[in-house]
Amino acid sequence: MMERALEAFARGVGVTRSFTHPYLAERVEGLWALRDAPRTRGRYRNEEWIAHGLAPARVHCIVRAHARGRYSVTPVCGGGESLADVRAEYRALGYRLGRTEPLMVHRLQRIPRRAARAEVTRVTTPDLAAQVAKAARARQILPEHLTPDAPVRLYTALVDDAPAGWVSSIQIDTAAWCAQLYVRAEHRRRGIGAALMCRMLRDDRSCGVRLAVLAASHAGALLYAQLGYEQIGTVLLYTPPRA
């Protein structure tokens, strides 16, 4: 399960970073490397290296050998690993911990129903996509993803015909990565986030998804657990030692 979850994590993040320029998710010596495709102009964005099951010293050597520029390292610790030991080893290598996030999965066998005082709908028109982009101050979906069978699905909750929240599902074979759940401050504590997630999960299941994956904030993890998600690991986000 962990390997499927990590692939959904890596490739899903790659899709969200590809709206302006392709951001590739590739396997490199047992790690997932996320980085820009070749550019003809402009600076390369920060690379992200996702690791699981490899010693921090080994991860450090691989990344140093293959990174093209600026990078971060994201080890994922499963239930059988010592989080304290991993943190101590990265600290000894000079890495600086930014934050940790629970890695959670939903098996889509039982999905609760949640009602909200909002109209929850999938975004399938350019006009609605533009409304969500304006509310989010960033594009949330590309035109080619508005078709019924697209692997990227965006959902929004409408209050008085205006987007009050949104979330995306990115299907990776029979897994899906949940990206960018957000509810505007003035509409929180009204069940909108839960209603968005439940609609998304039901559509995931109907599209053949068997494992829904996300990285949660520690506050968000409380909501996700109520919806049937379970934690399978911890994501740690590190910046490298100064040269």
Protein backbone atom coordinates (compact mmCIF):
# COMPACT_ATOMS: atom_id res chain seq x y z
CA MET A 1 0.00 0.00 0.00
CA MET A 2 2.80 2.42 0.86
CA GLU A 3 4.36 2.17 -2.60
CA ARG A 4 1.03 2.85 -4.30
CA ALA A 5 0.45 5.80 -1.99
CA LEU A 6 3.91 7.22 -2.67
CA GLU A 7 3.45 6.94 -6.42
CA ALA A 8 0.12 8.78 -6.17
CA PHE A 9 1.81 11.39 -3.95
CA ALA A 10 4.73 11.96 -6.33
CA ARG A 11 2.84 11.89 -9.59
CA GLY A 12 -0.09 13.84 -8.19
CA VAL A 13 2.15 16.64 -6.96
CA GLY A 14 3.84 16.58 -10.36
CA VAL A 15 0.50 17.25 -12.05
CA THR A 16 -0.32 20.18 -9.75
CA ARG A 17 3.08 21.75 -10.47
CA SER A 18 2.68 21.29 -14.25
CA PHE A 19 0.05 23.97 -14.87
CA THR A 20 2.70 26.48 -15.98
CA HIS A 21 5.54 24.16 -17.09
CA PRO A 22 5.86 20.33 -17.05
CA TYR A 23 7.07 19.12 -13.65
CA LEU A 24 8.14 15.50 -13.95
CA ALA A 25 7.98 12.70 -11.37
CA GLU A 26 10.76 10.19 -12.07
CA ARG A 27 12.32 7.26 -10.24
CA VAL A 28 16.02 7.80 -9.48
CA GLU A 29 17.89 5.10 -7.51
CA GLY A 30 14.89 4.27 -5.35
CA LEU A 31 13.73 7.86 -4.83
CA TRP A 32 11.01 9.89 -6.48
CA ALA A 33 12.53 12.98 -8.10
CA LEU A 34 10.10 15.81 -8.90
CA ARG A 35 11.57 18.54 -11.09
CA ASP A 36 11.08 20.73 -14.12
CA ALA A 37 11.29 19.28 -17.59
CA PRO A 38 14.09 20.90 -19.64
CA ARG A 39 13.62 24.65 -20.06
CA THR A 40 14.74 26.93 -22.88
CA ARG A 41 14.48 29.98 -20.64
CA GLY A 42 13.78 30.93 -17.04
CA ARG A 43 15.11 29.47 -13.80
CA TYR A 44 14.48 25.89 -12.82
CA ARG A 45 12.14 25.53 -9.87
CA ASN A 46 13.12 23.86 -6.64
CA GLU A 47 13.37 20.07 -6.97
CA GLU A 48 11.59 17.76 -4.52
CA TRP A 49 13.02 14.35 -3.62
CA ILE A 50 10.70 11.86 -1.92
CA ALA A 51 12.33 8.99 -0.02
CA HIS A 52 11.06 5.91 1.79
CA GLY A 53 12.92 2.96 3.25
CA LEU A 54 16.42 4.34 2.60
CA ALA A 55 18.90 5.54 5.22
CA PRO A 56 19.21 9.34 5.36
CA ALA A 57 22.93 9.17 4.51
CA ARG A 58 22.12 7.16 1.38
CA VAL A 59 19.35 9.61 0.40
CA HIS A 60 21.77 12.49 0.85
CA CYS A 61 24.35 10.88 -1.46
CA ILE A 62 21.80 10.10 -4.19
CA VAL A 63 20.30 13.57 -4.18
CA ARG A 64 23.69 15.29 -4.17
CA ALA A 65 24.74 13.18 -7.15
CA HIS A 66 21.63 13.91 -9.25
CA ALA A 67 20.12 17.26 -8.21
CA ARG A 68 20.53 19.99 -10.82
CA GLY A 69 20.17 22.90 -8.41
CA ARG A 70 18.04 23.87 -5.44
CA TYR A 71 16.16 21.01 -3.80
CA SER A 72 14.28 19.76 -0.77
CA VAL A 73 14.15 16.24 0.66
CA THR A 74 10.88 14.64 1.76
CA PRO A 75 11.35 11.36 3.64
CA VAL A 76 8.19 9.40 4.40
CA CYS A 77 8.27 7.24 7.54
CA GLY A 78 5.95 4.25 7.76
CA GLY A 79 4.51 2.69 10.87
CA GLY A 80 7.46 0.35 11.41
CA GLU A 81 10.12 3.06 11.33
CA SER A 82 11.42 5.18 14.19
CA LEU A 83 10.47 8.77 13.46
CA ALA A 84 12.84 9.99 16.18
CA ASP A 85 15.79 8.12 14.65
CA VAL A 86 15.09 9.44 11.15
CA ARG A 87 14.85 12.99 12.44
CA ALA A 88 18.09 12.62 14.38
CA GLU A 89 19.97 11.29 11.34
CA TYR A 90 18.82 14.10 9.05
CA ARG A 91 19.67 16.64 11.73
CA ALA A 92 23.17 15.16 12.01
CA LEU A 93 23.56 15.62 8.23
CA GLY A 94 22.70 19.31 8.58
CA TYR A 95 19.15 19.20 7.22
CA ARG A 96 16.57 21.61 8.61
CA LEU A 97 13.07 20.31 9.30
CA GLY A 98 10.30 22.57 8.04
CA ARG A 99 7.16 20.68 9.05
CA THR A 100 5.62 17.24 9.27
CA GLU A 101 2.34 16.03 7.78
CA PRO A 102 0.37 12.79 8.21
CA LEU A 103 0.19 10.68 5.04
CA MET A 104 -3.34 9.29 4.93
CA VAL A 105 -5.30 6.91 2.72
CA HIS A 106 -8.95 6.02 2.19
CA ARG A 107 -9.81 2.54 0.93
CA LEU A 108 -13.16 3.76 -0.50
CA GLN A 109 -15.15 0.86 0.91
CA ARG A 110 -17.38 3.00 3.12
CA ILE A 111 -17.86 6.69 2.37
CA PRO A 112 -20.06 8.73 4.72
CA ARG A 113 -22.61 11.27 3.57
CA ARG A 114 -22.17 14.87 4.62
CA ALA A 115 -24.63 17.66 3.89
CA ALA A 116 -23.76 21.35 3.74
CA ARG A 117 -25.56 24.59 2.98
CA ALA A 118 -23.88 24.76 -0.37
CA GLU A 119 -24.19 23.28 -3.83
CA VAL A 120 -21.30 20.86 -4.34
CA THR A 121 -20.55 20.29 -8.01
CA ARG A 122 -17.80 19.11 -10.30
CA VAL A 123 -16.24 21.87 -12.41
CA THR A 124 -16.80 21.05 -16.08
CA THR A 125 -17.14 24.45 -17.76
CA PRO A 126 -14.58 27.18 -18.51
CA ASP A 127 -16.77 29.80 -16.81
CA LEU A 128 -16.93 27.92 -13.50
CA ALA A 129 -13.22 27.08 -13.72
CA ALA A 130 -12.52 30.80 -14.11
CA GLN A 131 -14.67 31.62 -11.08
CA VAL A 132 -12.76 29.14 -8.92
CA ALA A 133 -9.43 30.43 -10.23
CA LYS A 134 -10.42 33.99 -9.35
CA ALA A 135 -11.49 32.98 -5.84
CA ALA A 136 -8.31 30.93 -5.32
CA ARG A 137 -6.09 33.51 -7.03
CA ALA A 138 -4.52 30.68 -8.99
CA ARG A 139 -5.62 28.33 -11.75
CA GLN A 140 -6.95 25.07 -10.29
CA ILE A 141 -7.58 23.09 -13.48
CA LEU A 142 -6.57 23.15 -17.15
CA PRO A 143 -9.06 23.29 -20.06
CA GLU A 144 -8.23 19.71 -21.10
CA HIS A 145 -9.34 18.48 -17.66
CA LEU A 146 -12.93 19.69 -18.02
CA THR A 147 -14.09 16.61 -19.94
CA PRO A 148 -16.09 13.88 -18.13
CA ASP A 149 -13.33 11.24 -18.37
CA ALA A 150 -10.38 13.49 -17.46
CA PRO A 151 -7.99 12.16 -14.78
CA VAL A 152 -8.00 15.53 -12.98
CA ARG A 153 -11.32 16.42 -11.36
CA LEU A 154 -12.04 19.73 -9.62
CA TYR A 155 -14.99 20.22 -7.28
CA THR A 156 -16.39 23.41 -5.81
CA ALA A 157 -19.01 24.33 -3.26
CA LEU A 158 -21.21 27.24 -4.34
CA VAL A 159 -22.86 29.61 -1.89
CA ASP A 160 -25.03 32.25 -3.54
CA ASP A 161 -23.52 31.10 -6.87
CA ALA A 162 -19.97 31.94 -5.73
CA PRO A 163 -17.19 29.44 -4.91
CA ALA A 164 -16.92 28.98 -1.14
CA GLY A 165 -14.46 26.06 -1.31
CA TRP A 166 -12.79 23.64 -3.68
CA VAL A 167 -10.78 20.42 -3.88
CA SER A 168 -9.12 18.40 -6.66
CA SER A 169 -8.64 14.69 -7.31
CA ILE A 170 -5.83 13.52 -9.57
CA GLN A 171 -6.24 9.92 -10.67
CA ILE A 172 -3.08 7.83 -10.99
CA ASP A 173 -4.18 4.42 -12.31
CA THR A 174 -6.28 2.94 -9.45
CA ALA A 175 -5.10 5.48 -6.89
CA ALA A 176 -5.91 9.18 -6.59
CA TRP A 177 -4.14 12.15 -5.02
CA CYS A 178 -6.27 14.72 -3.24
CA ALA A 179 -4.97 18.25 -3.77
CA GLN A 180 -5.77 21.67 -2.42
CA LEU A 181 -8.84 21.28 -0.21
CA TYR A 182 -9.69 24.82 0.79
CA VAL A 183 -12.74 26.53 2.29
CA ARG A 184 -12.87 30.31 2.48
CA ALA A 185 -12.69 31.66 6.03
CA GLU A 186 -16.20 33.12 6.08
CA HIS A 187 -17.71 29.74 5.14
CA ARG A 188 -15.84 27.45 7.54
CA ARG A 189 -17.45 25.29 10.25
CA ARG A 190 -20.48 24.68 8.05
CA GLY A 191 -19.62 21.20 6.78
CA ILE A 192 -18.46 22.41 3.36
CA GLY A 193 -15.04 20.74 3.51
CA ALA A 194 -16.55 17.39 4.47
CA ALA A 195 -19.22 17.64 1.76
CA LEU A 196 -16.56 18.39 -0.87
CA MET A 197 -14.43 15.44 0.23
CA CYS A 198 -17.33 12.98 0.26
CA ARG A 199 -18.46 14.01 -3.23
CA MET A 200 -14.89 13.66 -4.49
CA LEU A 201 -14.44 10.23 -2.89
CA ARG A 202 -17.67 8.89 -4.39
CA ASP A 203 -16.63 10.02 -7.84
CA ASP A 204 -13.16 8.51 -7.28
CA ARG A 205 -14.75 5.15 -6.52
CA SER A 206 -17.05 5.32 -9.53
CA CYS A 207 -13.99 6.03 -11.73
CA GLY A 208 -12.20 2.88 -10.59
CA VAL A 209 -10.05 4.33 -7.82
CA ARG A 210 -9.29 1.91 -5.01
CA LEU A 211 -6.98 4.02 -2.85
CA ALA A 212 -7.36 7.77 -2.20
CA VAL A 213 -4.23 9.45 -0.84
CA LEU A 214 -3.45 12.81 0.76
CA ALA A 215 -0.99 14.61 3.01
CA ALA A 216 -2.85 16.43 5.75
CA SER A 217 -2.20 19.30 8.07
CA HIS A 218 -2.45 18.14 11.68
CA ALA A 219 -5.74 20.04 12.04
CA GLY A 220 -7.06 18.63 8.76
CA ALA A 221 -6.20 15.09 9.84
CA LEU A 222 -9.01 15.25 12.39
CA LEU A 223 -11.58 15.87 9.63
CA TYR A 224 -10.14 13.22 7.33
CA ALA A 225 -10.20 10.57 10.08
CA GLN A 226 -13.92 11.23 10.56
CA LEU A 227 -14.44 10.57 6.84
CA GLY A 228 -12.67 7.18 6.91
CA TYR A 229 -9.05 8.07 6.17
CA GLU A 230 -6.29 6.30 8.09
CA GLN A 231 -2.70 7.39 8.63
CA ILE A 232 -0.05 5.11 7.11
CA GLY A 233 2.99 7.31 7.55
CA THR A 234 4.48 10.71 8.31
CA VAL A 235 5.84 13.10 5.69
CA LEU A 236 8.83 15.21 6.77
CA LEU A 237 9.85 18.25 4.73
CA TYR A 238 13.55 19.12 4.89
CA THR A 239 15.74 21.82 3.41
CA PRO A 240 19.36 20.77 2.77
CA PRO A 241 22.45 21.90 4.65
CA ARG A 242 23.94 25.17 3.55
CA ALA A 243 26.84 24.71 1.17
